[in-house]
PDB file of N, CA and C in Angstrom:
ATOM      1  N   MET A   1      -8.459  13.539  45.347  1.00  0.00           N
ATOM      2  CA  MET A   1      -9.679  13.562  44.582  1.00  0.00           C
ATOM      3  C   MET A   1      -9.499  14.417  43.324  1.00  0.00           C
ATOM      4  N   ILE A   2      -8.868  15.580  43.487  1.00  0.00           N
ATOM      5  CA  ILE A   2      -8.670  16.442  42.321  1.00  0.00           C
ATOM      6  C   ILE A   2      -7.697  15.799  41.331  1.00  0.00           C
ATOM      7  N   ASP A   3      -6.759  14.998  41.869  1.00  0.00           N
ATOM      8  CA  ASP A   3      -5.821  14.297  40.985  1.00  0.00           C
ATOM      9  C   ASP A   3      -6.564  13.331  40.063  1.00  0.00           C
ATOM     10  N   LYS A   4      -7.591  12.710  40.607  1.00  0.00           N
ATOM     11  CA  LYS A   4      -8.380  11.767  39.812  1.00  0.00           C
ATOM     12  C   LYS A   4      -9.077  12.505  38.662  1.00  0.00           C
ATOM     13  N   PHE A   5      -9.642  13.661  38.945  1.00  0.00           N
ATOM     14  CA  PHE A   5     -10.314  14.433  37.897  1.00  0.00           C
ATOM     15  C   PHE A   5      -9.323  14.911  36.840  1.00  0.00           C
ATOM     16  N   ILE A   6      -8.164  15.335  37.282  1.00  0.00           N
ATOM     17  CA  ILE A   6      -7.126  15.777  36.342  1.00  0.00           C
ATOM     18  C   ILE A   6      -6.693  14.603  35.464  1.00  0.00           C
ATOM     19  N   TYR A   7      -6.477  13.450  36.107  1.00  0.00           N
ATOM     20  CA  TYR A   7      -6.066  12.264  35.356  1.00  0.00           C
ATOM     21  C   TYR A   7      -7.130  11.871  34.339  1.00  0.00           C
ATOM     22  N   GLU A   8      -8.384  11.833  34.751  1.00  0.00           N
ATOM     23  CA  GLU A   8      -9.469  11.456  33.841  1.00  0.00           C
ATOM     24  C   GLU A   8      -9.618  12.473  32.709  1.00  0.00           C
ATOM     25  N   GLY A   9      -9.452  13.744  33.023  1.00  0.00           N
ATOM     26  CA  GLY A   9      -9.532  14.783  31.990  1.00  0.00           C
ATOM     27  C   GLY A   9      -8.412  14.646  30.970  1.00  0.00           C
ATOM     28  N   LEU A  10      -7.193  14.436  31.468  1.00  0.00           N
ATOM     29  CA  LEU A  10      -6.063  14.255  30.549  1.00  0.00           C
ATOM     30  C   LEU A  10      -6.206  12.976  29.736  1.00  0.00           C
ATOM     31  N   HIS A  11      -6.720  11.927  30.360  1.00  0.00           N
ATOM     32  CA  HIS A  11      -6.946  10.674  29.650  1.00  0.00           C
ATOM     33  C   HIS A  11      -7.951  10.878  28.513  1.00  0.00           C
ATOM     34  N   PHE A  12      -9.017  11.607  28.798  1.00  0.00           N
ATOM     35  CA  PHE A  12     -10.030  11.908  27.786  1.00  0.00           C
ATOM     36  C   PHE A  12      -9.419  12.691  26.617  1.00  0.00           C
ATOM     37  N   ILE A  13      -8.638  13.710  26.943  1.00  0.00           N
ATOM     38  CA  ILE A  13      -8.012  14.536  25.903  1.00  0.00           C
ATOM     39  C   ILE A  13      -7.031  13.716  25.072  1.00  0.00           C
ATOM     40  N   MET A  14      -6.195  12.924  25.722  1.00  0.00           N
ATOM     41  CA  MET A  14      -5.188  12.133  25.003  1.00  0.00           C
ATOM     42  C   MET A  14      -5.837  11.056  24.143  1.00  0.00           C
ATOM     43  N   LYS A  15      -6.938  10.516  24.608  1.00  0.00           N
ATOM     44  CA  LYS A  15      -7.648   9.489  23.846  1.00  0.00           C
ATOM     45  C   LYS A  15      -8.090  10.056  22.501  1.00  0.00           C
ATOM     46  N   TYR A  16      -8.744  11.188  22.512  1.00  0.00           N
ATOM     47  CA  TYR A  16      -9.229  11.776  21.265  1.00  0.00           C
ATOM     48  C   TYR A  16      -8.106  12.378  20.432  1.00  0.00           C
ATOM     49  N   ALA A  17      -7.067  12.873  21.071  1.00  0.00           N
ATOM     50  CA  ALA A  17      -5.910  13.376  20.326  1.00  0.00           C
ATOM     51  C   ALA A  17      -5.256  12.231  19.557  1.00  0.00           C
ATOM     52  N   GLY A  18      -5.160  11.064  20.176  1.00  0.00           N
ATOM     53  CA  GLY A  18      -4.601   9.895  19.506  1.00  0.00           C
ATOM     54  C   GLY A  18      -5.460   9.444  18.342  1.00  0.00           C
ATOM     55  N   GLN A  19      -6.770   9.489  18.512  1.00  0.00           N
ATOM     56  CA  GLN A  19      -7.671   9.097  17.425  1.00  0.00           C
ATOM     57  C   GLN A  19      -7.560  10.061  16.244  1.00  0.00           C
ATOM     58  N   ILE A  20      -7.460  11.341  16.533  1.00  0.00           N
ATOM     59  CA  ILE A  20      -7.309  12.335  15.462  1.00  0.00           C
ATOM     60  C   ILE A  20      -5.972  12.145  14.758  1.00  0.00           C
ATOM     61  N   ASN A  21      -4.922  11.891  15.514  1.00  0.00           N
ATOM     62  CA  ASN A  21      -3.603  11.670  14.931  1.00  0.00           C
ATOM     63  C   ASN A  21      -3.609  10.435  14.034  1.00  0.00           C
ATOM     64  N   SER A  22      -4.236   9.360  14.486  1.00  0.00           N
ATOM     65  CA  SER A  22      -4.322   8.139  13.680  1.00  0.00           C
ATOM     66  C   SER A  22      -5.092   8.396  12.392  1.00  0.00           C
ATOM     67  N   TRP A  23      -6.184   9.122  12.495  1.00  0.00           N
ATOM     68  CA  TRP A  23      -6.983   9.433  11.313  1.00  0.00           C
ATOM     69  C   TRP A  23      -6.151  10.256  10.322  1.00  0.00           C
ATOM     70  N   ALA A  24      -5.391  11.217  10.830  1.00  0.00           N
ATOM     71  CA  ALA A  24      -4.581  12.072   9.962  1.00  0.00           C
ATOM     72  C   ALA A  24      -3.508  11.248   9.245  1.00  0.00           C
ATOM     73  N   TRP A  25      -2.871  10.306   9.939  1.00  0.00           N
ATOM     74  CA  TRP A  25      -1.859   9.463   9.304  1.00  0.00           C
ATOM     75  C   TRP A  25      -2.478   8.592   8.222  1.00  0.00           C
ATOM     76  N   ARG A  26      -3.638   8.012   8.494  1.00  0.00           N
ATOM     77  CA  ARG A  26      -4.304   7.182   7.487  1.00  0.00           C
ATOM     78  C   ARG A  26      -4.686   8.007   6.264  1.00  0.00           C
ATOM     79  N   LYS A  27      -5.191   9.199   6.492  1.00  0.00           N
ATOM     80  CA  LYS A  27      -5.578  10.087   5.390  1.00  0.00           C
ATOM     81  C   LYS A  27      -4.345  10.475   4.575  1.00  0.00           C
ATOM     82  N   HIS A  28      -3.255  10.787   5.256  1.00  0.00           N
ATOM     83  CA  HIS A  28      -2.018  11.162   4.581  1.00  0.00           C
ATOM     84  C   HIS A  28      -1.490  10.003   3.737  1.00  0.00           C
ATOM     85  N   ALA A  29      -1.533   8.793   4.287  1.00  0.00           N
ATOM     86  CA  ALA A  29      -1.074   7.614   3.551  1.00  0.00           C
ATOM     87  C   ALA A  29      -1.942   7.378   2.322  1.00  0.00           C
ATOM     88  N   LYS A  30      -3.236   7.591   2.454  1.00  0.00           N
ATOM     89  CA  LYS A  30      -4.154   7.416   1.322  1.00  0.00           C
ATOM     90  C   LYS A  30      -3.844   8.434   0.217  1.00  0.00           C
ATOM     91  N   ILE A  31      -3.574   9.667   0.594  1.00  0.00           N
ATOM     92  CA  ILE A  31      -3.231  10.707  -0.380  1.00  0.00           C
ATOM     93  C   ILE A  31      -1.934  10.342  -1.098  1.00  0.00           C
ATOM     94  N   LEU A  32      -0.921   9.902  -0.344  1.00  0.00           N
ATOM     95  CA  LEU A  32       0.355   9.522  -0.958  1.00  0.00           C
ATOM     96  C   LEU A  32       0.186   8.335  -1.900  1.00  0.00           C
ATOM     97  N   ARG A  33      -0.612   7.346  -1.481  1.00  0.00           N
ATOM     98  CA  ARG A  33      -0.858   6.178  -2.327  1.00  0.00           C
ATOM     99  C   ARG A  33      -1.528   6.591  -3.632  1.00  0.00           C
ATOM    100  N   THR A  34      -2.484   7.507  -3.558  1.00  0.00           N
ATOM    101  CA  THR A  34      -3.172   7.994  -4.749  1.00  0.00           C
ATOM    102  C   THR A  34      -2.198   8.712  -5.682  1.00  0.00           C
ATOM    103  N   LYS A  35      -1.337   9.555  -5.119  1.00  0.00           N
ATOM    104  CA  LYS A  35      -0.343  10.255  -5.935  1.00  0.00           C
ATOM    105  C   LYS A  35       0.613   9.276  -6.599  1.00  0.00           C
ATOM    106  N   GLN A  36       1.031   8.236  -5.865  1.00  0.00           N
ATOM    107  CA  GLN A  36       1.937   7.236  -6.437  1.00  0.00           C
ATOM    108  C   GLN A  36       1.255   6.464  -7.557  1.00  0.00           C
ATOM    109  N   ASP A  37      -0.027   6.135  -7.388  1.00  0.00           N
ATOM    110  CA  ASP A  37      -0.762   5.425  -8.433  1.00  0.00           C
ATOM    111  C   ASP A  37      -0.867   6.273  -9.698  1.00  0.00           C
ATOM    112  N   ILE A  38      -1.150   7.546  -9.525  1.00  0.00           N
ATOM    113  CA  ILE A  38      -1.255   8.450 -10.676  1.00  0.00           C
ATOM    114  C   ILE A  38       0.090   8.561 -11.383  1.00  0.00           C
ATOM    115  N   ALA A  39       1.169   8.688 -10.607  1.00  0.00           N
ATOM    116  CA  ALA A  39       2.504   8.795 -11.201  1.00  0.00           C
ATOM    117  C   ALA A  39       2.875   7.504 -11.934  1.00  0.00           C
ATOM    118  N   ALA A  40       2.518   6.357 -11.375  1.00  0.00           N
ATOM    119  CA  ALA A  40       2.835   5.078 -12.014  1.00  0.00           C
ATOM    120  C   ALA A  40       2.061   4.927 -13.321  1.00  0.00           C
ATOM    121  N   LYS A  41       0.797   5.302 -13.315  1.00  0.00           N
ATOM    122  CA  LYS A  41      -0.010   5.225 -14.542  1.00  0.00           C
ATOM    123  C   LYS A  41       0.535   6.163 -15.610  1.00  0.00           C
ATOM    124  N   LYS A  42       0.958   7.356 -15.191  1.00  0.00           N
ATOM    125  CA  LYS A  42       1.523   8.317 -16.142  1.00  0.00           C
ATOM    126  C   LYS A  42       2.823   7.775 -16.738  1.00  0.00           C
ATOM    127  N   LEU A  43       3.647   7.159 -15.917  1.00  0.00           N
ATOM    128  CA  LEU A  43       4.899   6.582 -16.395  1.00  0.00           C
ATOM    129  C   LEU A  43       4.637   5.468 -17.405  1.00  0.00           C
ATOM    130  N   ILE A  44       3.695   4.600 -17.103  1.00  0.00           N
ATOM    131  CA  ILE A  44       3.348   3.515 -18.029  1.00  0.00           C
ATOM    132  C   ILE A  44       2.824   4.086 -19.337  1.00  0.00           C
ATOM    133  N   ARG A  45       1.953   5.075 -19.263  1.00  0.00           N
ATOM    134  CA  ARG A  45       1.397   5.701 -20.461  1.00  0.00           C
ATOM    135  C   ARG A  45       2.494   6.361 -21.299  1.00  0.00           C
ATOM    136  N   ASP A  46       3.440   7.037 -20.633  1.00  0.00           N
ATOM    137  CA  ASP A  46       4.549   7.666 -21.348  1.00  0.00           C
ATOM    138  C   ASP A  46       5.432   6.628 -22.038  1.00  0.00           C
ATOM    139  N   GLN A  47       5.678   5.502 -21.366  1.00  0.00           N
ATOM    140  CA  GLN A  47       6.482   4.442 -21.970  1.00  0.00           C
ATOM    141  C   GLN A  47       5.773   3.837 -23.178  1.00  0.00           C
ATOM    142  N   GLU A  48       4.454   3.625 -23.057  1.00  0.00           N
ATOM    143  CA  GLU A  48       3.695   3.092 -24.181  1.00  0.00           C
ATOM    144  C   GLU A  48       3.722   4.071 -25.357  1.00  0.00           C
ATOM    145  N   ASN A  49       3.578   5.355 -25.066  1.00  0.00           N
ATOM    146  CA  ASN A  49       3.621   6.367 -26.131  1.00  0.00           C
ATOM    147  C   ASN A  49       5.000   6.401 -26.799  1.00  0.00           C
ATOM    148  N   ARG A  50       6.044   6.303 -26.014  1.00  0.00           N
ATOM    149  CA  ARG A  50       7.403   6.304 -26.545  1.00  0.00           C
ATOM    150  C   ARG A  50       7.624   5.084 -27.445  1.00  0.00           C
ATOM    151  N   ASP A  51       7.156   3.925 -26.989  1.00  0.00           N
ATOM    152  CA  ASP A  51       7.278   2.709 -27.797  1.00  0.00           C
ATOM    153  C   ASP A  51       6.499   2.832 -29.107  1.00  0.00           C
ATOM    154  N   TYR A  52       5.330   3.409 -29.035  1.00  0.00           N
ATOM    155  CA  TYR A  52       4.503   3.588 -30.224  1.00  0.00           C
ATOM    156  C   TYR A  52       5.189   4.531 -31.224  1.00  0.00           C
ATOM    157  N   LEU A  53       5.769   5.608 -30.705  1.00  0.00           N
ATOM    158  CA  LEU A  53       6.479   6.541 -31.589  1.00  0.00           C
ATOM    159  C   LEU A  53       7.692   5.870 -32.246  1.00  0.00           C
ATOM    160  N   GLU A  54       8.407   5.064 -31.493  1.00  0.00           N
ATOM    161  CA  GLU A  54       9.550   4.335 -32.074  1.00  0.00           C
ATOM    162  C   GLU A  54       9.093   3.387 -33.176  1.00  0.00           C
ATOM    163  N   GLU A  55       7.963   2.735 -32.945  1.00  0.00           N
ATOM    164  CA  GLU A  55       7.422   1.822 -33.960  1.00  0.00           C
ATOM    165  C   GLU A  55       7.020   2.603 -35.217  1.00  0.00           C
ATOM    166  N   LEU A  56       6.424   3.760 -35.032  1.00  0.00           N
ATOM    167  CA  LEU A  56       6.055   4.582 -36.187  1.00  0.00           C
ATOM    168  C   LEU A  56       7.280   5.060 -36.945  1.00  0.00           C
ATOM    169  N   LYS A  57       8.324   5.437 -36.250  1.00  0.00           N
ATOM    170  CA  LYS A  57       9.559   5.890 -36.888  1.00  0.00           C
ATOM    171  C   LYS A  57      10.160   4.772 -37.734  1.00  0.00           C
ATOM    172  N   LYS A  58      10.109   3.534 -37.224  1.00  0.00           N
ATOM    173  CA  LYS A  58      10.647   2.411 -37.981  1.00  0.00           C
ATOM    174  C   LYS A  58       9.845   2.140 -39.242  1.00  0.00           C
ATOM    175  N   LYS A  59       8.544   2.336 -39.183  1.00  0.00           N
ATOM    176  CA  LYS A  59       7.674   2.085 -40.331  1.00  0.00           C
ATOM    177  C   LYS A  59       7.812   3.167 -41.389  1.00  0.00           C
ATOM    178  N   LEU A  60       8.128   4.370 -40.961  1.00  0.00           N
ATOM    179  CA  LEU A  60       8.246   5.475 -41.912  1.00  0.00           C
ATOM    180  C   LEU A  60       9.670   5.571 -42.337  1.00  0.00           C
TER     181      LEU A  60
END
């Protein structure tokens, strides 16, 4: 009988621990995706600025 209570208690704990772990992984992935998007936009902006400067140098 006590084994059943121990099993149910551990099952309850593991269930919520798994849900918290899943939430943390999703949140971490979202943060990484946001950082990658920002870095990609910055890279594109830097390339556009570099191209614009080269065009200005050719005109002057």
